Amino acid sequence: MSGSTRADKWLWATRFFKTRVLAADVLGDGKVKRNGHAMKRASSVQIGDVLEIPFIDGPGLREILVRGVIDKRVGAPEAQACYEDRTKPEVYEALKNWQIAKAEAAKGRPTKKDRRAIDQIKEEWEWGI
């Protein structure tokens, strides 16, 4: 491990993004912040930096403390040793709820069987059965 490395390499190597190009795109859009300031692709990441990284698949930001610097993709346990996740549990709960709502919305129209079950529940509720 060296003293610093490019931000896009570090985000990819620590498995926050599947590809380095995706990490570079997020950095280029100014969505990743270091100590409160937007980072660029070639910005250096050093031990002790606090990064705010957006989730790709939902709302919220992860707060990450850099503990080690790597620039090559390694196994998940080795990658997780390079950072400390300081994200609040409420953020993960909101992300989970968002993903559940997204999955529910993607189901589409109910089938005929589902419609009958819904009508039966409504009827029972209306009649107080």
N, C-alpha and C. Protein backbone atom coordinates (compact mmCIF):
# COMPACT_ATOMS: atom_id res chain seq x y z
N MET A 1 0.83 -1.18 0.00
CA MET A 1 0.00 0.00 0.00
C MET A 1 0.88 1.25 0.00
N SER A 2 0.56 2.16 -0.92
CA SER A 2 1.32 3.40 -1.00
C SER A 2 0.59 4.51 -0.26
N GLY A 3 1.12 5.72 -0.32
CA GLY A 3 0.56 6.84 0.42
C GLY A 3 -0.70 7.43 -0.18
N SER A 4 -0.83 7.40 -1.51
CA SER A 4 -2.03 7.93 -2.15
C SER A 4 -2.22 7.26 -3.51
N THR A 5 -3.43 7.36 -4.02
CA THR A 5 -3.75 6.83 -5.35
C THR A 5 -4.91 7.62 -5.93
N ARG A 6 -5.16 7.44 -7.22
CA ARG A 6 -6.27 8.14 -7.87
C ARG A 6 -7.60 7.70 -7.27
N ALA A 7 -8.52 8.62 -7.19
CA ALA A 7 -9.82 8.34 -6.57
C ALA A 7 -10.60 7.28 -7.35
N ASP A 8 -10.58 7.34 -8.68
CA ASP A 8 -11.34 6.36 -9.45
C ASP A 8 -10.78 4.96 -9.26
N LYS A 9 -9.45 4.84 -9.18
CA LYS A 9 -8.84 3.53 -8.94
C LYS A 9 -9.21 2.99 -7.56
N TRP A 10 -9.17 3.85 -6.55
CA TRP A 10 -9.45 3.41 -5.19
C TRP A 10 -10.91 2.97 -5.04
N LEU A 11 -11.84 3.75 -5.59
CA LEU A 11 -13.26 3.40 -5.51
C LEU A 11 -13.56 2.08 -6.21
N TRP A 12 -12.88 1.84 -7.32
CA TRP A 12 -13.05 0.58 -8.05
C TRP A 12 -12.39 -0.56 -7.29
N ALA A 13 -11.18 -0.36 -6.79
CA ALA A 13 -10.44 -1.41 -6.10
C ALA A 13 -11.10 -1.83 -4.80
N THR A 14 -11.76 -0.91 -4.12
CA THR A 14 -12.43 -1.23 -2.86
C THR A 14 -13.88 -1.67 -3.07
N ARG A 15 -14.27 -1.85 -4.34
CA ARG A 15 -15.55 -2.45 -4.73
C ARG A 15 -16.77 -1.59 -4.45
N PHE A 16 -16.61 -0.28 -4.46
CA PHE A 16 -17.77 0.58 -4.37
C PHE A 16 -18.48 0.67 -5.72
N PHE A 17 -17.72 0.48 -6.81
CA PHE A 17 -18.27 0.49 -8.16
C PHE A 17 -17.75 -0.72 -8.92
N LYS A 18 -18.58 -1.26 -9.82
CA LYS A 18 -18.21 -2.47 -10.54
C LYS A 18 -17.10 -2.24 -11.54
N THR A 19 -17.07 -1.05 -12.14
CA THR A 19 -16.03 -0.75 -13.11
C THR A 19 -15.36 0.57 -12.77
N ARG A 20 -14.16 0.72 -13.27
CA ARG A 20 -13.43 1.96 -13.04
C ARG A 20 -14.07 3.11 -13.82
N VAL A 21 -14.63 2.79 -14.98
CA VAL A 21 -15.30 3.81 -15.78
C VAL A 21 -16.51 4.37 -15.03
N LEU A 22 -17.28 3.49 -14.39
CA LEU A 22 -18.43 3.93 -13.60
C LEU A 22 -17.99 4.82 -12.44
N ALA A 23 -16.90 4.44 -11.79
CA ALA A 23 -16.36 5.26 -10.70
C ALA A 23 -15.92 6.63 -11.23
N ALA A 24 -15.28 6.63 -12.38
CA ALA A 24 -14.81 7.89 -12.97
C ALA A 24 -15.99 8.78 -13.37
N ASP A 25 -17.07 8.17 -13.87
CA ASP A 25 -18.25 8.95 -14.24
C ASP A 25 -18.89 9.62 -13.03
N VAL A 26 -19.00 8.88 -11.93
CA VAL A 26 -19.59 9.44 -10.71
C VAL A 26 -18.70 10.56 -10.17
N LEU A 27 -17.40 10.35 -10.22
CA LEU A 27 -16.47 11.39 -9.79
C LEU A 27 -16.55 12.61 -10.71
N GLY A 28 -16.66 12.37 -12.00
CA GLY A 28 -16.73 13.46 -12.97
C GLY A 28 -17.97 14.32 -12.80
N ASP A 29 -19.06 13.70 -12.31
CA ASP A 29 -20.30 14.44 -12.07
C ASP A 29 -20.24 15.23 -10.76
N GLY A 30 -19.19 15.05 -9.98
CA GLY A 30 -19.05 15.78 -8.72
C GLY A 30 -19.90 15.22 -7.59
N LYS A 31 -20.30 13.95 -7.70
CA LYS A 31 -21.17 13.35 -6.69
C LYS A 31 -20.41 12.80 -5.49
N VAL A 32 -19.12 12.52 -5.64
CA VAL A 32 -18.31 12.03 -4.52
C VAL A 32 -17.61 13.23 -3.89
N LYS A 33 -17.69 13.30 -2.59
CA LYS A 33 -17.09 14.44 -1.88
C LYS A 33 -16.04 13.95 -0.89
N ARG A 34 -14.95 14.71 -0.78
CA ARG A 34 -13.91 14.43 0.21
C ARG A 34 -13.88 15.60 1.17
N ASN A 35 -14.10 15.30 2.43
CA ASN A 35 -14.10 16.33 3.47
C ASN A 35 -15.03 17.49 3.10
N GLY A 36 -16.15 17.17 2.42
CA GLY A 36 -17.15 18.17 2.08
C GLY A 36 -16.99 18.83 0.72
N HIS A 37 -15.91 18.53 -0.02
CA HIS A 37 -15.66 19.16 -1.31
C HIS A 37 -15.71 18.11 -2.42
N ALA A 38 -16.28 18.49 -3.57
CA ALA A 38 -16.40 17.57 -4.70
C ALA A 38 -15.02 17.14 -5.20
N MET A 39 -14.92 15.87 -5.58
CA MET A 39 -13.65 15.33 -6.08
C MET A 39 -13.69 15.21 -7.60
N LYS A 40 -12.51 15.17 -8.21
CA LYS A 40 -12.38 14.91 -9.64
C LYS A 40 -11.81 13.51 -9.81
N ARG A 41 -11.78 13.04 -11.06
CA ARG A 41 -11.32 11.68 -11.34
C ARG A 41 -9.90 11.42 -10.84
N ALA A 42 -9.03 12.34 -11.10
CA ALA A 42 -7.62 12.15 -10.78
C ALA A 42 -7.25 12.66 -9.39
N SER A 43 -8.24 13.05 -8.60
CA SER A 43 -7.95 13.48 -7.23
C SER A 43 -7.31 12.32 -6.48
N SER A 44 -6.42 12.65 -5.56
CA SER A 44 -5.77 11.58 -4.81
C SER A 44 -6.56 11.27 -3.54
N VAL A 45 -6.55 10.00 -3.19
CA VAL A 45 -7.17 9.52 -1.95
C VAL A 45 -6.04 9.14 -1.01
N GLN A 46 -6.10 9.65 0.22
CA GLN A 46 -5.06 9.36 1.21
C GLN A 46 -5.70 8.82 2.47
N ILE A 47 -4.89 8.15 3.27
CA ILE A 47 -5.37 7.62 4.55
C ILE A 47 -5.85 8.78 5.42
N GLY A 48 -7.02 8.60 6.01
CA GLY A 48 -7.59 9.64 6.87
C GLY A 48 -8.66 10.48 6.20
N ASP A 49 -8.78 10.39 4.86
CA ASP A 49 -9.82 11.14 4.15
C ASP A 49 -11.19 10.59 4.51
N VAL A 50 -12.18 11.46 4.58
CA VAL A 50 -13.57 11.06 4.78
C VAL A 50 -14.30 11.33 3.47
N LEU A 51 -14.85 10.26 2.87
CA LEU A 51 -15.52 10.36 1.58
C LEU A 51 -17.03 10.19 1.75
N GLU A 52 -17.78 10.92 0.96
CA GLU A 52 -19.23 10.75 0.87
C GLU A 52 -19.50 10.19 -0.52
N ILE A 53 -19.95 8.92 -0.56
CA ILE A 53 -20.14 8.21 -1.82
C ILE A 53 -21.62 7.90 -1.99
N PRO A 54 -22.22 8.27 -3.14
CA PRO A 54 -23.64 7.98 -3.34
C PRO A 54 -23.86 6.50 -3.66
N PHE A 55 -25.03 5.99 -3.30
CA PHE A 55 -25.42 4.65 -3.69
C PHE A 55 -25.80 4.69 -5.16
N ILE A 56 -25.43 3.67 -5.92
CA ILE A 56 -25.77 3.62 -7.33
C ILE A 56 -27.26 3.33 -7.50
N ASP A 57 -27.80 2.47 -6.66
CA ASP A 57 -29.15 1.97 -6.84
C ASP A 57 -30.13 2.51 -5.82
N GLY A 58 -30.01 3.78 -5.48
CA GLY A 58 -30.98 4.35 -4.55
C GLY A 58 -30.50 5.65 -3.94
N PRO A 59 -31.33 6.21 -3.06
CA PRO A 59 -31.00 7.50 -2.45
C PRO A 59 -30.01 7.34 -1.30
N GLY A 60 -29.36 8.42 -0.95
CA GLY A 60 -28.49 8.43 0.22
C GLY A 60 -27.01 8.45 -0.12
N LEU A 61 -26.22 8.74 0.90
CA LEU A 61 -24.77 8.80 0.77
C LEU A 61 -24.12 7.94 1.85
N ARG A 62 -23.08 7.22 1.45
CA ARG A 62 -22.27 6.48 2.42
C ARG A 62 -21.16 7.40 2.91
N GLU A 63 -20.86 7.33 4.19
CA GLU A 63 -19.75 8.09 4.75
C GLU A 63 -18.64 7.09 5.05
N ILE A 64 -17.51 7.26 4.38
CA ILE A 64 -16.42 6.29 4.43
C ILE A 64 -15.14 6.97 4.91
N LEU A 65 -14.45 6.34 5.87
CA LEU A 65 -13.14 6.79 6.31
C LEU A 65 -12.10 5.90 5.65
N VAL A 66 -11.15 6.49 4.96
CA VAL A 66 -10.10 5.74 4.25
C VAL A 66 -9.08 5.25 5.28
N ARG A 67 -8.88 3.95 5.35
CA ARG A 67 -7.91 3.35 6.29
C ARG A 67 -6.67 2.82 5.58
N GLY A 68 -6.82 2.53 4.30
CA GLY A 68 -5.71 2.00 3.52
C GLY A 68 -5.88 2.40 2.07
N VAL A 69 -4.77 2.47 1.35
CA VAL A 69 -4.81 2.89 -0.04
C VAL A 69 -4.35 1.73 -0.91
N ILE A 70 -5.20 1.32 -1.85
CA ILE A 70 -4.85 0.29 -2.82
C ILE A 70 -5.24 0.81 -4.20
N ASP A 71 -4.58 0.28 -5.23
CA ASP A 71 -4.94 0.68 -6.58
C ASP A 71 -5.20 -0.50 -7.50
N LYS A 72 -5.17 -1.71 -6.95
CA LYS A 72 -5.52 -2.91 -7.71
C LYS A 72 -6.68 -3.60 -7.03
N ARG A 73 -7.57 -4.17 -7.82
CA ARG A 73 -8.75 -4.84 -7.28
C ARG A 73 -8.31 -6.11 -6.54
N VAL A 74 -8.79 -6.24 -5.31
CA VAL A 74 -8.44 -7.39 -4.47
C VAL A 74 -9.73 -8.04 -3.97
N GLY A 75 -9.60 -9.09 -3.21
CA GLY A 75 -10.76 -9.77 -2.65
C GLY A 75 -11.53 -8.86 -1.71
N ALA A 76 -12.80 -9.21 -1.50
CA ALA A 76 -13.68 -8.37 -0.68
C ALA A 76 -13.16 -8.16 0.74
N PRO A 77 -12.68 -9.19 1.45
CA PRO A 77 -12.19 -8.94 2.81
C PRO A 77 -11.00 -7.98 2.84
N GLU A 78 -10.10 -8.10 1.88
CA GLU A 78 -8.94 -7.20 1.81
C GLU A 78 -9.39 -5.78 1.47
N ALA A 79 -10.38 -5.65 0.58
CA ALA A 79 -10.88 -4.33 0.21
C ALA A 79 -11.58 -3.67 1.39
N GLN A 80 -12.36 -4.43 2.16
CA GLN A 80 -13.08 -3.87 3.29
C GLN A 80 -12.14 -3.42 4.40
N ALA A 81 -10.94 -3.98 4.45
CA ALA A 81 -9.96 -3.57 5.44
C ALA A 81 -9.39 -2.18 5.13
N CYS A 82 -9.62 -1.68 3.92
CA CYS A 82 -9.08 -0.39 3.50
C CYS A 82 -9.98 0.78 3.83
N TYR A 83 -11.16 0.51 4.41
CA TYR A 83 -12.05 1.62 4.77
C TYR A 83 -12.89 1.25 5.97
N GLU A 84 -13.43 2.29 6.59
CA GLU A 84 -14.36 2.12 7.71
C GLU A 84 -15.67 2.79 7.31
N ASP A 85 -16.74 2.03 7.36
CA ASP A 85 -18.05 2.55 6.99
C ASP A 85 -18.67 3.25 8.19
N ARG A 86 -18.87 4.57 8.07
CA ARG A 86 -19.45 5.37 9.15
C ARG A 86 -20.88 5.80 8.83
N THR A 87 -21.49 5.14 7.87
CA THR A 87 -22.85 5.49 7.45
C THR A 87 -23.83 5.18 8.56
N LYS A 88 -24.77 6.09 8.79
CA LYS A 88 -25.77 5.90 9.83
C LYS A 88 -26.76 4.80 9.41
N PRO A 89 -27.27 4.03 10.37
CA PRO A 89 -28.23 2.96 10.04
C PRO A 89 -29.50 3.47 9.36
N GLU A 90 -29.90 4.71 9.66
CA GLU A 90 -31.10 5.27 9.04
C GLU A 90 -30.96 5.35 7.52
N VAL A 91 -29.74 5.61 7.05
CA VAL A 91 -29.50 5.71 5.61
C VAL A 91 -29.72 4.36 4.96
N TYR A 92 -29.20 3.30 5.59
CA TYR A 92 -29.38 1.95 5.04
C TYR A 92 -30.84 1.54 5.10
N GLU A 93 -31.55 1.95 6.14
CA GLU A 93 -32.98 1.63 6.26
C GLU A 93 -33.78 2.32 5.16
N ALA A 94 -33.47 3.59 4.88
CA ALA A 94 -34.14 4.33 3.82
C ALA A 94 -33.85 3.70 2.45
N LEU A 95 -32.61 3.26 2.24
CA LEU A 95 -32.24 2.60 1.00
C LEU A 95 -33.02 1.30 0.83
N LYS A 96 -33.13 0.53 1.90
CA LYS A 96 -33.85 -0.74 1.87
C LYS A 96 -35.32 -0.50 1.53
N ASN A 97 -35.94 0.49 2.18
CA ASN A 97 -37.34 0.81 1.90
C ASN A 97 -37.54 1.27 0.46
N TRP A 98 -36.60 2.03 -0.06
CA TRP A 98 -36.68 2.50 -1.44
C TRP A 98 -36.61 1.32 -2.40
N GLN A 99 -35.70 0.37 -2.14
CA GLN A 99 -35.56 -0.80 -3.01
C GLN A 99 -36.81 -1.67 -2.97
N ILE A 100 -37.42 -1.82 -1.79
CA ILE A 100 -38.65 -2.60 -1.68
C ILE A 100 -39.77 -1.92 -2.47
N ALA A 101 -39.90 -0.60 -2.33
CA ALA A 101 -40.93 0.13 -3.07
C ALA A 101 -40.70 0.03 -4.58
N LYS A 102 -39.45 0.07 -4.99
CA LYS A 102 -39.13 -0.04 -6.42
C LYS A 102 -39.51 -1.43 -6.94
N ALA A 103 -39.24 -2.47 -6.16
CA ALA A 103 -39.59 -3.83 -6.56
C ALA A 103 -41.10 -4.01 -6.63
N GLU A 104 -41.81 -3.41 -5.68
CA GLU A 104 -43.28 -3.50 -5.68
C GLU A 104 -43.86 -2.80 -6.90
N ALA A 105 -43.30 -1.66 -7.26
CA ALA A 105 -43.80 -0.90 -8.40
C ALA A 105 -43.53 -1.62 -9.72
N ALA A 106 -42.52 -2.45 -9.76
CA ALA A 106 -42.14 -3.15 -10.99
C ALA A 106 -42.97 -4.39 -11.25
N LYS A 107 -43.83 -4.74 -10.32
CA LYS A 107 -44.62 -5.96 -10.49
C LYS A 107 -45.63 -5.85 -11.62
N GLY A 108 -46.17 -4.68 -11.88
CA GLY A 108 -47.13 -4.52 -12.96
C GLY A 108 -48.55 -4.80 -12.54
N ARG A 109 -49.38 -5.11 -13.52
CA ARG A 109 -50.81 -5.34 -13.26
C ARG A 109 -51.02 -6.65 -12.52
N PRO A 110 -52.03 -6.70 -11.66
CA PRO A 110 -52.32 -7.96 -10.98
C PRO A 110 -52.96 -8.96 -11.95
N THR A 111 -52.71 -10.24 -11.70
CA THR A 111 -53.33 -11.28 -12.51
C THR A 111 -54.79 -11.42 -12.11
N LYS A 112 -55.52 -12.24 -12.85
CA LYS A 112 -56.93 -12.45 -12.54
C LYS A 112 -57.09 -13.06 -11.14
N LYS A 113 -56.21 -13.97 -10.81
CA LYS A 113 -56.23 -14.61 -9.48
C LYS A 113 -55.96 -13.57 -8.40
N ASP A 114 -54.94 -12.71 -8.63
CA ASP A 114 -54.62 -11.64 -7.67
C ASP A 114 -55.80 -10.68 -7.51
N ARG A 115 -56.45 -10.35 -8.62
CA ARG A 115 -57.58 -9.43 -8.58
C ARG A 115 -58.72 -9.99 -7.73
N ARG A 116 -58.99 -11.28 -7.88
CA ARG A 116 -60.03 -11.92 -7.09
C ARG A 116 -59.68 -11.88 -5.60
N ALA A 117 -58.42 -12.13 -5.29
CA ALA A 117 -57.99 -12.09 -3.89
C ALA A 117 -58.13 -10.68 -3.32
N ILE A 118 -57.80 -9.68 -4.12
CA ILE A 118 -57.93 -8.29 -3.68
C ILE A 118 -59.39 -7.94 -3.45
N ASP A 119 -60.25 -8.36 -4.40
CA ASP A 119 -61.69 -8.10 -4.25
C ASP A 119 -62.25 -8.77 -3.00
N GLN A 120 -61.79 -9.98 -2.72
CA GLN A 120 -62.27 -10.70 -1.53
C GLN A 120 -61.85 -9.97 -0.26
N ILE A 121 -60.62 -9.49 -0.21
CA ILE A 121 -60.13 -8.75 0.96
C ILE A 121 -60.93 -7.46 1.13
N LYS A 122 -61.18 -6.75 0.02
CA LYS A 122 -61.97 -5.51 0.09
C LYS A 122 -63.37 -5.80 0.59
N GLU A 123 -63.96 -6.89 0.08
CA GLU A 123 -65.32 -7.25 0.50
C GLU A 123 -65.37 -7.57 1.99
N GLU A 124 -64.41 -8.32 2.46
CA GLU A 124 -64.35 -8.65 3.88
C GLU A 124 -64.16 -7.40 4.73
N TRP A 125 -63.35 -6.45 4.23
CA TRP A 125 -63.11 -5.24 4.97
C TRP A 125 -64.36 -4.36 5.03
N GLU A 126 -65.06 -4.29 3.87
CA GLU A 126 -66.27 -3.46 3.80
C GLU A 126 -67.40 -4.02 4.69
N TRP A 127 -67.55 -5.33 4.72
CA TRP A 127 -68.61 -5.96 5.49
C TRP A 127 -68.23 -6.25 6.93
N GLY A 128 -66.95 -6.09 7.23
CA GLY A 128 -66.49 -6.34 8.59
C GLY A 128 -66.52 -7.81 8.98
N ILE A 129 -66.30 -8.65 8.02
CA ILE A 129 -66.33 -10.11 8.25
C ILE A 129 -65.08 -10.57 8.97
